[in-house]
Amino acid sequence: MSESIDNLLETLEEHMMKTIDAMHHDFSAVRTGKASPALVENITVDYYGTPTRLRELAGITVPEAKMLMIQPWDPSVVSAIEKAILASNIGISPVSDGRVLRLPIPELSEERRHDLTKQVKGRSEDAKIAIRNIRRDGNDAAKKAQKGGELTEDELKQRLDEIQKLTDDYVTQVDKILAEKEKDLMNI
């Protein structure tokens, strides 16, 4: 981190926010028994030999709570989308009428719920590790600034305390988000 020591805290917070946003995005793709476009939007489809994300090939809507509807802009790509969904291992079989794909979202089995819970716990641990790495980088920058004469010993201690408080706040946010997602997954 080469930014000035004055902006250090804001820069660290920005990086931590991005970590939380990335975790939120990953969590939105985890199926909870409710239909969500995030479930399929990043599936890669072979579109005339080019790997293309589904959201770039079709409109994805939620006509009802347990149904996703995928309407390709090019009707000739329906079968390629169907193959990609089946190959993606999301556990949903699409129903095609030749123009539109419907994905009925089945209830999750207890075993599948536990597997998904393990997945989100692992992802939240990754987010905590990323936040702690950001803290480490911030601490290193503060110590370097102190050695370079930009900070006094007292200012360094204060900076390190502020960085730790920021880290604790973001780790707590990760835990809250995880608890919500686990609750969402385990409720039938």
N, C-alpha and C. Protein backbone atom coordinates (compact mmCIF):
# COMPACT_ATOMS: atom_id res chain seq x y z
N MET A 1 0.85 -1.18 0.00
CA MET A 1 0.00 0.00 0.00
C MET A 1 0.89 1.24 0.00
N SER A 2 0.80 1.99 -1.05
CA SER A 2 1.69 3.14 -1.18
C SER A 2 0.98 4.46 -0.96
N GLU A 3 -0.32 4.43 -0.64
CA GLU A 3 -1.05 5.67 -0.44
C GLU A 3 -0.57 6.36 0.83
N SER A 4 -0.93 7.61 0.93
CA SER A 4 -0.47 8.37 2.10
C SER A 4 -1.10 7.80 3.36
N ILE A 5 -0.43 7.99 4.44
CA ILE A 5 -0.86 7.45 5.73
C ILE A 5 -2.18 8.08 6.17
N ASP A 6 -2.47 9.29 5.69
CA ASP A 6 -3.72 9.97 6.06
C ASP A 6 -4.94 9.24 5.51
N ASN A 7 -4.82 8.66 4.34
CA ASN A 7 -5.96 7.98 3.70
C ASN A 7 -5.97 6.48 3.97
N LEU A 8 -5.07 6.01 4.79
CA LEU A 8 -4.91 4.57 5.01
C LEU A 8 -6.20 3.91 5.46
N LEU A 9 -6.85 4.48 6.48
CA LEU A 9 -8.07 3.87 7.02
C LEU A 9 -9.17 3.79 5.98
N GLU A 10 -9.36 4.88 5.20
CA GLU A 10 -10.39 4.87 4.16
C GLU A 10 -10.09 3.81 3.10
N THR A 11 -8.84 3.69 2.74
CA THR A 11 -8.44 2.71 1.73
C THR A 11 -8.69 1.28 2.24
N LEU A 12 -8.33 1.05 3.50
CA LEU A 12 -8.55 -0.28 4.08
C LEU A 12 -10.04 -0.59 4.12
N GLU A 13 -10.84 0.39 4.53
CA GLU A 13 -12.29 0.16 4.62
C GLU A 13 -12.87 -0.13 3.24
N GLU A 14 -12.39 0.58 2.23
CA GLU A 14 -12.86 0.35 0.87
C GLU A 14 -12.57 -1.09 0.43
N HIS A 15 -11.36 -1.58 0.73
CA HIS A 15 -10.99 -2.96 0.38
C HIS A 15 -11.86 -3.96 1.14
N MET A 16 -12.12 -3.67 2.41
CA MET A 16 -12.95 -4.58 3.22
C MET A 16 -14.38 -4.60 2.71
N MET A 17 -14.90 -3.43 2.28
CA MET A 17 -16.25 -3.37 1.72
C MET A 17 -16.34 -4.22 0.45
N LYS A 18 -15.30 -4.15 -0.38
CA LYS A 18 -15.28 -4.95 -1.61
C LYS A 18 -15.29 -6.44 -1.29
N THR A 19 -14.61 -6.82 -0.21
CA THR A 19 -14.60 -8.22 0.22
C THR A 19 -16.01 -8.66 0.62
N ILE A 20 -16.70 -7.80 1.38
CA ILE A 20 -18.08 -8.10 1.80
C ILE A 20 -18.99 -8.19 0.57
N ASP A 21 -18.84 -7.25 -0.37
CA ASP A 21 -19.67 -7.26 -1.58
C ASP A 21 -19.46 -8.54 -2.38
N ALA A 22 -18.21 -8.97 -2.50
CA ALA A 22 -17.91 -10.20 -3.23
C ALA A 22 -18.55 -11.40 -2.54
N MET A 23 -18.51 -11.42 -1.21
CA MET A 23 -19.13 -12.52 -0.47
C MET A 23 -20.65 -12.51 -0.68
N HIS A 24 -21.25 -11.31 -0.62
CA HIS A 24 -22.70 -11.19 -0.88
C HIS A 24 -23.05 -11.76 -2.25
N HIS A 25 -22.25 -11.39 -3.24
CA HIS A 25 -22.51 -11.85 -4.61
C HIS A 25 -22.41 -13.38 -4.68
N ASP A 26 -21.39 -13.94 -4.05
CA ASP A 26 -21.23 -15.40 -4.04
C ASP A 26 -22.40 -16.07 -3.33
N PHE A 27 -22.85 -15.48 -2.23
CA PHE A 27 -23.97 -16.04 -1.47
C PHE A 27 -25.25 -16.00 -2.30
N SER A 28 -25.43 -14.97 -3.12
CA SER A 28 -26.66 -14.86 -3.90
C SER A 28 -26.79 -15.99 -4.91
N ALA A 29 -25.66 -16.61 -5.28
CA ALA A 29 -25.70 -17.71 -6.24
C ALA A 29 -25.95 -19.06 -5.55
N VAL A 30 -26.01 -19.06 -4.22
CA VAL A 30 -26.28 -20.30 -3.49
C VAL A 30 -27.79 -20.45 -3.36
N ARG A 31 -28.28 -21.56 -3.82
CA ARG A 31 -29.73 -21.81 -3.88
C ARG A 31 -30.33 -22.03 -2.50
N THR A 32 -31.44 -21.34 -2.23
CA THR A 32 -32.11 -21.50 -0.94
C THR A 32 -33.54 -22.00 -1.10
N GLY A 33 -33.89 -22.50 -2.26
CA GLY A 33 -35.26 -22.95 -2.48
C GLY A 33 -36.12 -21.85 -3.07
N LYS A 34 -35.56 -20.65 -3.19
CA LYS A 34 -36.28 -19.53 -3.81
C LYS A 34 -35.59 -19.23 -5.14
N ALA A 35 -36.36 -18.81 -6.10
CA ALA A 35 -35.81 -18.48 -7.41
C ALA A 35 -35.04 -17.16 -7.35
N SER A 36 -33.85 -17.16 -7.94
CA SER A 36 -33.04 -15.94 -8.02
C SER A 36 -32.22 -16.00 -9.31
N PRO A 37 -32.24 -14.91 -10.10
CA PRO A 37 -31.45 -14.91 -11.34
C PRO A 37 -29.96 -15.17 -11.08
N ALA A 38 -29.46 -14.82 -9.90
CA ALA A 38 -28.04 -15.02 -9.59
C ALA A 38 -27.67 -16.50 -9.65
N LEU A 39 -28.66 -17.36 -9.53
CA LEU A 39 -28.45 -18.80 -9.56
C LEU A 39 -27.85 -19.25 -10.89
N VAL A 40 -28.25 -18.59 -11.98
CA VAL A 40 -27.85 -19.06 -13.31
C VAL A 40 -27.14 -18.01 -14.16
N GLU A 41 -27.14 -16.76 -13.75
CA GLU A 41 -26.66 -15.70 -14.65
C GLU A 41 -25.21 -15.84 -15.08
N ASN A 42 -24.38 -16.50 -14.27
CA ASN A 42 -22.97 -16.64 -14.63
C ASN A 42 -22.62 -18.00 -15.24
N ILE A 43 -23.62 -18.81 -15.53
CA ILE A 43 -23.36 -20.09 -16.20
C ILE A 43 -22.82 -19.78 -17.59
N THR A 44 -21.77 -20.49 -17.98
CA THR A 44 -21.15 -20.25 -19.27
C THR A 44 -21.80 -21.15 -20.33
N VAL A 45 -22.22 -20.52 -21.42
CA VAL A 45 -22.89 -21.22 -22.52
C VAL A 45 -21.97 -21.15 -23.74
N ASP A 46 -21.88 -22.25 -24.48
CA ASP A 46 -21.11 -22.27 -25.72
C ASP A 46 -21.98 -21.64 -26.80
N TYR A 47 -21.71 -20.37 -27.11
CA TYR A 47 -22.50 -19.62 -28.09
C TYR A 47 -21.68 -19.49 -29.37
N TYR A 48 -21.97 -20.35 -30.34
CA TYR A 48 -21.24 -20.40 -31.60
C TYR A 48 -19.73 -20.46 -31.37
N GLY A 49 -19.33 -21.35 -30.46
CA GLY A 49 -17.92 -21.58 -30.20
C GLY A 49 -17.27 -20.62 -29.21
N THR A 50 -18.04 -19.65 -28.72
CA THR A 50 -17.50 -18.67 -27.77
C THR A 50 -18.16 -18.88 -26.41
N PRO A 51 -17.37 -19.10 -25.35
CA PRO A 51 -17.97 -19.21 -24.02
C PRO A 51 -18.55 -17.85 -23.61
N THR A 52 -19.86 -17.83 -23.35
CA THR A 52 -20.56 -16.59 -23.04
C THR A 52 -21.43 -16.79 -21.82
N ARG A 53 -21.47 -15.79 -20.92
CA ARG A 53 -22.31 -15.90 -19.73
C ARG A 53 -23.78 -15.83 -20.13
N LEU A 54 -24.58 -16.60 -19.42
CA LEU A 54 -26.01 -16.69 -19.73
C LEU A 54 -26.69 -15.33 -19.71
N ARG A 55 -26.32 -14.47 -18.75
CA ARG A 55 -26.99 -13.17 -18.66
C ARG A 55 -26.76 -12.30 -19.88
N GLU A 56 -25.74 -12.63 -20.70
CA GLU A 56 -25.47 -11.87 -21.91
C GLU A 56 -26.26 -12.42 -23.11
N LEU A 57 -26.87 -13.59 -22.93
CA LEU A 57 -27.59 -14.24 -24.03
C LEU A 57 -29.10 -14.21 -23.87
N ALA A 58 -29.57 -13.92 -22.65
CA ALA A 58 -31.00 -14.08 -22.41
C ALA A 58 -31.47 -13.20 -21.27
N GLY A 59 -32.77 -12.97 -21.28
CA GLY A 59 -33.41 -12.30 -20.14
C GLY A 59 -33.75 -13.36 -19.11
N ILE A 60 -33.44 -13.08 -17.84
CA ILE A 60 -33.71 -14.04 -16.77
C ILE A 60 -34.70 -13.39 -15.81
N THR A 61 -35.88 -13.98 -15.69
CA THR A 61 -36.91 -13.40 -14.83
C THR A 61 -37.40 -14.42 -13.82
N VAL A 62 -38.11 -13.91 -12.80
CA VAL A 62 -38.68 -14.75 -11.75
C VAL A 62 -40.20 -14.52 -11.77
N PRO A 63 -40.93 -15.31 -12.59
CA PRO A 63 -42.38 -15.10 -12.69
C PRO A 63 -43.13 -15.52 -11.41
N GLU A 64 -42.56 -16.44 -10.65
CA GLU A 64 -43.14 -16.83 -9.37
C GLU A 64 -42.02 -17.29 -8.44
N ALA A 65 -42.32 -17.43 -7.16
CA ALA A 65 -41.30 -17.66 -6.14
C ALA A 65 -40.40 -18.87 -6.40
N LYS A 66 -40.92 -19.92 -7.01
CA LYS A 66 -40.13 -21.13 -7.21
C LYS A 66 -39.92 -21.44 -8.69
N MET A 67 -39.82 -20.39 -9.50
CA MET A 67 -39.66 -20.59 -10.94
C MET A 67 -38.76 -19.50 -11.53
N LEU A 68 -37.80 -19.93 -12.34
CA LEU A 68 -36.98 -19.00 -13.12
C LEU A 68 -37.37 -19.17 -14.58
N MET A 69 -37.40 -18.07 -15.30
CA MET A 69 -37.70 -18.15 -16.72
C MET A 69 -36.55 -17.50 -17.48
N ILE A 70 -36.03 -18.23 -18.46
CA ILE A 70 -34.92 -17.74 -19.27
C ILE A 70 -35.41 -17.61 -20.70
N GLN A 71 -35.35 -16.39 -21.21
CA GLN A 71 -35.81 -16.13 -22.57
C GLN A 71 -34.64 -15.63 -23.41
N PRO A 72 -34.05 -16.53 -24.21
CA PRO A 72 -32.90 -16.13 -25.04
C PRO A 72 -33.31 -15.11 -26.10
N TRP A 73 -32.39 -14.17 -26.37
CA TRP A 73 -32.66 -13.19 -27.41
C TRP A 73 -32.53 -13.84 -28.79
N ASP A 74 -31.75 -14.90 -28.88
CA ASP A 74 -31.60 -15.67 -30.11
C ASP A 74 -32.18 -17.05 -29.84
N PRO A 75 -33.38 -17.36 -30.39
CA PRO A 75 -34.04 -18.64 -30.10
C PRO A 75 -33.21 -19.87 -30.48
N SER A 76 -32.24 -19.71 -31.37
CA SER A 76 -31.44 -20.87 -31.79
C SER A 76 -30.48 -21.34 -30.70
N VAL A 77 -30.34 -20.58 -29.62
CA VAL A 77 -29.39 -20.93 -28.58
C VAL A 77 -30.06 -21.66 -27.40
N VAL A 78 -31.37 -21.91 -27.50
CA VAL A 78 -32.11 -22.56 -26.41
C VAL A 78 -31.47 -23.89 -26.01
N SER A 79 -31.14 -24.74 -26.98
CA SER A 79 -30.59 -26.05 -26.63
C SER A 79 -29.20 -25.93 -26.00
N ALA A 80 -28.40 -24.96 -26.45
CA ALA A 80 -27.08 -24.75 -25.85
C ALA A 80 -27.21 -24.29 -24.40
N ILE A 81 -28.18 -23.43 -24.12
CA ILE A 81 -28.43 -22.96 -22.75
C ILE A 81 -28.88 -24.14 -21.89
N GLU A 82 -29.77 -24.95 -22.45
CA GLU A 82 -30.27 -26.12 -21.71
C GLU A 82 -29.11 -27.05 -21.33
N LYS A 83 -28.22 -27.32 -22.29
CA LYS A 83 -27.05 -28.18 -22.02
C LYS A 83 -26.16 -27.58 -20.94
N ALA A 84 -25.94 -26.27 -21.01
CA ALA A 84 -25.06 -25.59 -20.05
C ALA A 84 -25.66 -25.66 -18.64
N ILE A 85 -26.97 -25.50 -18.53
CA ILE A 85 -27.62 -25.56 -17.21
C ILE A 85 -27.50 -26.97 -16.64
N LEU A 86 -27.74 -27.97 -17.48
CA LEU A 86 -27.62 -29.36 -17.01
C LEU A 86 -26.18 -29.68 -16.59
N ALA A 87 -25.21 -29.14 -17.32
CA ALA A 87 -23.80 -29.41 -17.02
C ALA A 87 -23.29 -28.62 -15.81
N SER A 88 -24.03 -27.57 -15.41
CA SER A 88 -23.56 -26.68 -14.34
C SER A 88 -23.68 -27.27 -12.95
N ASN A 89 -24.42 -28.37 -12.82
CA ASN A 89 -24.54 -29.03 -11.51
C ASN A 89 -25.27 -28.22 -10.46
N ILE A 90 -26.25 -27.39 -10.87
CA ILE A 90 -27.01 -26.64 -9.87
C ILE A 90 -28.21 -27.44 -9.36
N GLY A 91 -28.39 -28.61 -9.95
CA GLY A 91 -29.45 -29.49 -9.46
C GLY A 91 -30.84 -29.13 -9.95
N ILE A 92 -30.93 -28.45 -11.07
CA ILE A 92 -32.23 -28.05 -11.62
C ILE A 92 -32.29 -28.49 -13.08
N SER A 93 -33.39 -29.13 -13.45
CA SER A 93 -33.58 -29.54 -14.84
C SER A 93 -34.49 -28.54 -15.54
N PRO A 94 -34.01 -27.91 -16.61
CA PRO A 94 -34.84 -26.94 -17.33
C PRO A 94 -35.92 -27.62 -18.16
N VAL A 95 -37.04 -26.92 -18.31
CA VAL A 95 -38.14 -27.37 -19.15
C VAL A 95 -38.23 -26.38 -20.31
N SER A 96 -38.11 -26.91 -21.53
CA SER A 96 -38.05 -26.03 -22.70
C SER A 96 -39.29 -26.20 -23.57
N ASP A 97 -39.76 -25.06 -24.13
CA ASP A 97 -40.84 -25.14 -25.11
C ASP A 97 -40.32 -24.70 -26.48
N GLY A 98 -38.98 -24.65 -26.62
CA GLY A 98 -38.38 -24.27 -27.89
C GLY A 98 -38.01 -22.80 -27.97
N ARG A 99 -38.71 -21.96 -27.19
CA ARG A 99 -38.41 -20.52 -27.19
C ARG A 99 -37.96 -20.02 -25.82
N VAL A 100 -38.54 -20.63 -24.78
CA VAL A 100 -38.30 -20.19 -23.40
C VAL A 100 -37.93 -21.40 -22.56
N LEU A 101 -37.01 -21.20 -21.61
CA LEU A 101 -36.67 -22.25 -20.66
C LEU A 101 -37.27 -21.88 -19.30
N ARG A 102 -37.92 -22.86 -18.68
CA ARG A 102 -38.43 -22.65 -17.33
C ARG A 102 -37.66 -23.57 -16.40
N LEU A 103 -37.24 -23.02 -15.27
CA LEU A 103 -36.50 -23.80 -14.28
C LEU A 103 -37.31 -23.86 -12.99
N PRO A 104 -38.03 -24.96 -12.78
CA PRO A 104 -38.74 -25.08 -11.51
C PRO A 104 -37.73 -25.36 -10.40
N ILE A 105 -37.76 -24.56 -9.35
CA ILE A 105 -36.81 -24.69 -8.25
C ILE A 105 -37.36 -25.72 -7.26
N PRO A 106 -36.72 -26.89 -7.18
CA PRO A 106 -37.24 -27.91 -6.26
C PRO A 106 -36.88 -27.59 -4.81
N GLU A 107 -37.61 -28.21 -3.89
CA GLU A 107 -37.27 -28.07 -2.48
C GLU A 107 -35.90 -28.71 -2.26
N LEU A 108 -35.14 -28.15 -1.34
CA LEU A 108 -33.83 -28.71 -1.03
C LEU A 108 -33.97 -29.84 -0.02
N SER A 109 -33.21 -30.91 -0.25
CA SER A 109 -33.20 -31.99 0.74
C SER A 109 -32.39 -31.54 1.95
N GLU A 110 -32.59 -32.21 3.07
CA GLU A 110 -31.85 -31.87 4.29
C GLU A 110 -30.35 -31.98 4.06
N GLU A 111 -29.94 -33.03 3.37
CA GLU A 111 -28.52 -33.25 3.09
C GLU A 111 -27.94 -32.11 2.23
N ARG A 112 -28.69 -31.71 1.21
CA ARG A 112 -28.25 -30.63 0.33
C ARG A 112 -28.15 -29.31 1.10
N ARG A 113 -29.10 -29.09 2.02
CA ARG A 113 -29.06 -27.88 2.85
C ARG A 113 -27.77 -27.84 3.68
N HIS A 114 -27.41 -28.99 4.25
CA HIS A 114 -26.19 -29.05 5.06
C HIS A 114 -24.94 -28.82 4.19
N ASP A 115 -24.94 -29.38 2.97
CA ASP A 115 -23.82 -29.17 2.06
C ASP A 115 -23.67 -27.68 1.71
N LEU A 116 -24.81 -27.03 1.42
CA LEU A 116 -24.78 -25.62 1.07
C LEU A 116 -24.33 -24.78 2.26
N THR A 117 -24.75 -25.18 3.46
CA THR A 117 -24.32 -24.47 4.66
C THR A 117 -22.82 -24.54 4.82
N LYS A 118 -22.25 -25.72 4.55
CA LYS A 118 -20.79 -25.87 4.62
C LYS A 118 -20.11 -24.96 3.59
N GLN A 119 -20.70 -24.89 2.39
CA GLN A 119 -20.14 -24.04 1.34
C GLN A 119 -20.11 -22.58 1.77
N VAL A 120 -21.23 -22.08 2.32
CA VAL A 120 -21.26 -20.67 2.70
C VAL A 120 -20.35 -20.40 3.90
N LYS A 121 -20.21 -21.38 4.79
CA LYS A 121 -19.27 -21.20 5.91
C LYS A 121 -17.85 -21.08 5.38
N GLY A 122 -17.50 -21.91 4.41
CA GLY A 122 -16.17 -21.85 3.81
C GLY A 122 -15.93 -20.52 3.13
N ARG A 123 -16.94 -20.04 2.41
CA ARG A 123 -16.81 -18.75 1.72
C ARG A 123 -16.67 -17.60 2.72
N SER A 124 -17.39 -17.70 3.86
CA SER A 124 -17.28 -16.64 4.86
C SER A 124 -15.89 -16.67 5.51
N GLU A 125 -15.33 -17.86 5.68
CA GLU A 125 -13.96 -17.95 6.22
C GLU A 125 -12.97 -17.29 5.26
N ASP A 126 -13.18 -17.51 3.95
CA ASP A 126 -12.32 -16.87 2.95
C ASP A 126 -12.40 -15.35 3.06
N ALA A 127 -13.62 -14.84 3.29
CA ALA A 127 -13.81 -13.39 3.43
C ALA A 127 -13.08 -12.87 4.68
N LYS A 128 -13.17 -13.63 5.77
CA LYS A 128 -12.48 -13.22 7.01
C LYS A 128 -10.96 -13.19 6.79
N ILE A 129 -10.46 -14.19 6.09
CA ILE A 129 -9.02 -14.24 5.80
C ILE A 129 -8.62 -13.03 4.96
N ALA A 130 -9.44 -12.70 3.96
CA ALA A 130 -9.14 -11.55 3.11
C ALA A 130 -9.13 -10.26 3.94
N ILE A 131 -10.09 -10.13 4.86
CA ILE A 131 -10.16 -8.94 5.71
C ILE A 131 -8.93 -8.87 6.61
N ARG A 132 -8.52 -10.01 7.15
CA ARG A 132 -7.33 -10.02 8.01
C ARG A 132 -6.06 -9.70 7.22
N ASN A 133 -6.02 -10.13 5.97
CA ASN A 133 -4.87 -9.79 5.11
C ASN A 133 -4.83 -8.29 4.85
N ILE A 134 -6.00 -7.69 4.67
CA ILE A 134 -6.08 -6.24 4.47
C ILE A 134 -5.58 -5.54 5.74
N ARG A 135 -5.98 -6.07 6.91
CA ARG A 135 -5.50 -5.51 8.19
C ARG A 135 -3.98 -5.58 8.25
N ARG A 136 -3.43 -6.75 7.90
CA ARG A 136 -1.97 -6.92 7.94
C ARG A 136 -1.28 -5.90 7.04
N ASP A 137 -1.80 -5.72 5.83
CA ASP A 137 -1.22 -4.74 4.91
C ASP A 137 -1.29 -3.33 5.50
N GLY A 138 -2.41 -3.01 6.14
CA GLY A 138 -2.57 -1.69 6.77
C GLY A 138 -1.60 -1.51 7.93
N ASN A 139 -1.47 -2.54 8.75
CA ASN A 139 -0.52 -2.47 9.88
C ASN A 139 0.90 -2.27 9.36
N ASP A 140 1.25 -3.01 8.32
CA ASP A 140 2.59 -2.89 7.74
C ASP A 140 2.83 -1.47 7.22
N ALA A 141 1.82 -0.90 6.55
CA ALA A 141 1.96 0.46 6.01
C ALA A 141 2.12 1.47 7.15
N ALA A 142 1.36 1.29 8.23
CA ALA A 142 1.46 2.20 9.38
C ALA A 142 2.84 2.09 10.04
N LYS A 143 3.34 0.87 10.20
CA LYS A 143 4.66 0.68 10.82
C LYS A 143 5.76 1.27 9.93
N LYS A 144 5.59 1.11 8.63
CA LYS A 144 6.56 1.66 7.70
C LYS A 144 6.56 3.20 7.78
N ALA A 145 5.35 3.78 7.90
CA ALA A 145 5.22 5.24 8.01
C ALA A 145 5.88 5.73 9.30
N GLN A 146 5.75 4.94 10.36
CA GLN A 146 6.35 5.32 11.64
C GLN A 146 7.87 5.28 11.53
N LYS A 147 8.38 4.26 10.86
CA LYS A 147 9.84 4.15 10.66
C LYS A 147 10.35 5.29 9.79
N GLY A 148 9.51 5.71 8.85
CA GLY A 148 9.89 6.80 7.94
C GLY A 148 9.70 8.17 8.55
N GLY A 149 9.22 8.22 9.78
CA GLY A 149 9.08 9.49 10.47
C GLY A 149 7.77 10.21 10.23
N GLU A 150 6.83 9.58 9.50
CA GLU A 150 5.53 10.22 9.26
C GLU A 150 4.64 10.15 10.50
N LEU A 151 4.84 9.15 11.36
CA LEU A 151 4.02 8.97 12.56
C LEU A 151 4.90 8.85 13.79
N THR A 152 4.37 9.35 14.90
CA THR A 152 5.07 9.14 16.17
C THR A 152 4.66 7.76 16.71
N GLU A 153 5.32 7.34 17.77
CA GLU A 153 4.99 6.04 18.39
C GLU A 153 3.54 6.01 18.85
N ASP A 154 3.07 7.11 19.46
CA ASP A 154 1.67 7.17 19.94
C ASP A 154 0.68 7.15 18.77
N GLU A 155 1.01 7.87 17.71
CA GLU A 155 0.14 7.89 16.53
C GLU A 155 0.08 6.50 15.90
N LEU A 156 1.20 5.81 15.90
CA LEU A 156 1.24 4.45 15.36
C LEU A 156 0.30 3.54 16.16
N LYS A 157 0.40 3.62 17.48
CA LYS A 157 -0.47 2.78 18.33
C LYS A 157 -1.94 3.10 18.07
N GLN A 158 -2.24 4.38 17.95
CA GLN A 158 -3.63 4.79 17.68
C GLN A 158 -4.09 4.26 16.31
N ARG A 159 -3.22 4.37 15.30
CA ARG A 159 -3.56 3.85 13.96
C ARG A 159 -3.82 2.35 13.99
N LEU A 160 -2.92 1.62 14.68
CA LEU A 160 -3.08 0.16 14.76
C LEU A 160 -4.39 -0.20 15.48
N ASP A 161 -4.74 0.56 16.52
CA ASP A 161 -6.01 0.32 17.22
C ASP A 161 -7.20 0.57 16.30
N GLU A 162 -7.13 1.66 15.51
CA GLU A 162 -8.22 1.98 14.57
C GLU A 162 -8.36 0.88 13.52
N ILE A 163 -7.23 0.39 13.02
CA ILE A 163 -7.25 -0.67 12.01
C ILE A 163 -7.87 -1.94 12.61
N GLN A 164 -7.51 -2.26 13.85
CA GLN A 164 -8.06 -3.45 14.49
C GLN A 164 -9.57 -3.31 14.70
N LYS A 165 -10.01 -2.13 15.10
CA LYS A 165 -11.45 -1.91 15.31
C LYS A 165 -12.20 -2.07 13.98
N LEU A 166 -11.64 -1.51 12.92
CA LEU A 166 -12.24 -1.64 11.59
C LEU A 166 -12.33 -3.12 11.19
N THR A 167 -11.25 -3.85 11.43
CA THR A 167 -11.22 -5.28 11.11
C THR A 167 -12.29 -6.03 11.90
N ASP A 168 -12.38 -5.75 13.19
CA ASP A 168 -13.38 -6.41 14.04
C ASP A 168 -14.80 -6.12 13.53
N ASP A 169 -15.06 -4.87 13.13
CA ASP A 169 -16.38 -4.50 12.61
C ASP A 169 -16.73 -5.31 11.37
N TYR A 170 -15.77 -5.45 10.46
CA TYR A 170 -16.04 -6.18 9.22
C TYR A 170 -16.15 -7.69 9.44
N VAL A 171 -15.37 -8.22 10.35
CA VAL A 171 -15.49 -9.65 10.68
C VAL A 171 -16.87 -9.92 11.29
N THR A 172 -17.36 -8.99 12.12
CA THR A 172 -18.70 -9.11 12.70
C THR A 172 -19.76 -9.08 11.60
N GLN A 173 -19.57 -8.20 10.60
CA GLN A 173 -20.51 -8.15 9.47
C GLN A 173 -20.55 -9.48 8.73
N VAL A 174 -19.37 -10.07 8.51
CA VAL A 174 -19.29 -11.37 7.83
C VAL A 174 -20.09 -12.41 8.62
N ASP A 175 -19.91 -12.42 9.95
CA ASP A 175 -20.64 -13.38 10.79
C ASP A 175 -22.15 -13.17 10.71
N LYS A 176 -22.60 -11.91 10.69
CA LYS A 176 -24.04 -11.62 10.59
C LYS A 176 -24.60 -12.11 9.26
N ILE A 177 -23.88 -11.80 8.18
CA ILE A 177 -24.33 -12.21 6.84
C ILE A 177 -24.39 -13.73 6.76
N LEU A 178 -23.38 -14.39 7.32
CA LEU A 178 -23.35 -15.86 7.33
C LEU A 178 -24.54 -16.41 8.11
N ALA A 179 -24.82 -15.85 9.28
CA ALA A 179 -25.94 -16.33 10.09
C ALA A 179 -27.27 -16.18 9.34
N GLU A 180 -27.44 -15.06 8.64
CA GLU A 180 -28.67 -14.86 7.85
C GLU A 180 -28.78 -15.91 6.75
N LYS A 181 -27.68 -16.15 6.05
CA LYS A 181 -27.70 -17.11 4.94
C LYS A 181 -27.94 -18.52 5.44
N GLU A 182 -27.31 -18.89 6.57
CA GLU A 182 -27.54 -20.21 7.15
C GLU A 182 -29.00 -20.39 7.54
N LYS A 183 -29.56 -19.36 8.15
CA LYS A 183 -30.97 -19.40 8.56
C LYS A 183 -31.87 -19.58 7.33
N ASP A 184 -31.54 -18.82 6.28
CA ASP A 184 -32.27 -18.88 5.02
C ASP A 184 -32.19 -20.30 4.43
N LEU A 185 -31.00 -20.89 4.48
CA LEU A 185 -30.81 -22.23 3.91
C LEU A 185 -31.52 -23.31 4.71
N MET A 186 -31.53 -23.18 6.02
CA MET A 186 -32.08 -24.25 6.86
C MET A 186 -33.58 -24.15 7.05
N ASN A 187 -34.19 -22.99 6.74
CA ASN A 187 -35.65 -22.86 6.82
C ASN A 187 -36.29 -23.50 5.60
N ILE A 188 -37.31 -24.25 5.85
CA ILE A 188 -37.99 -24.95 4.74
C ILE A 188 -39.15 -24.11 4.25
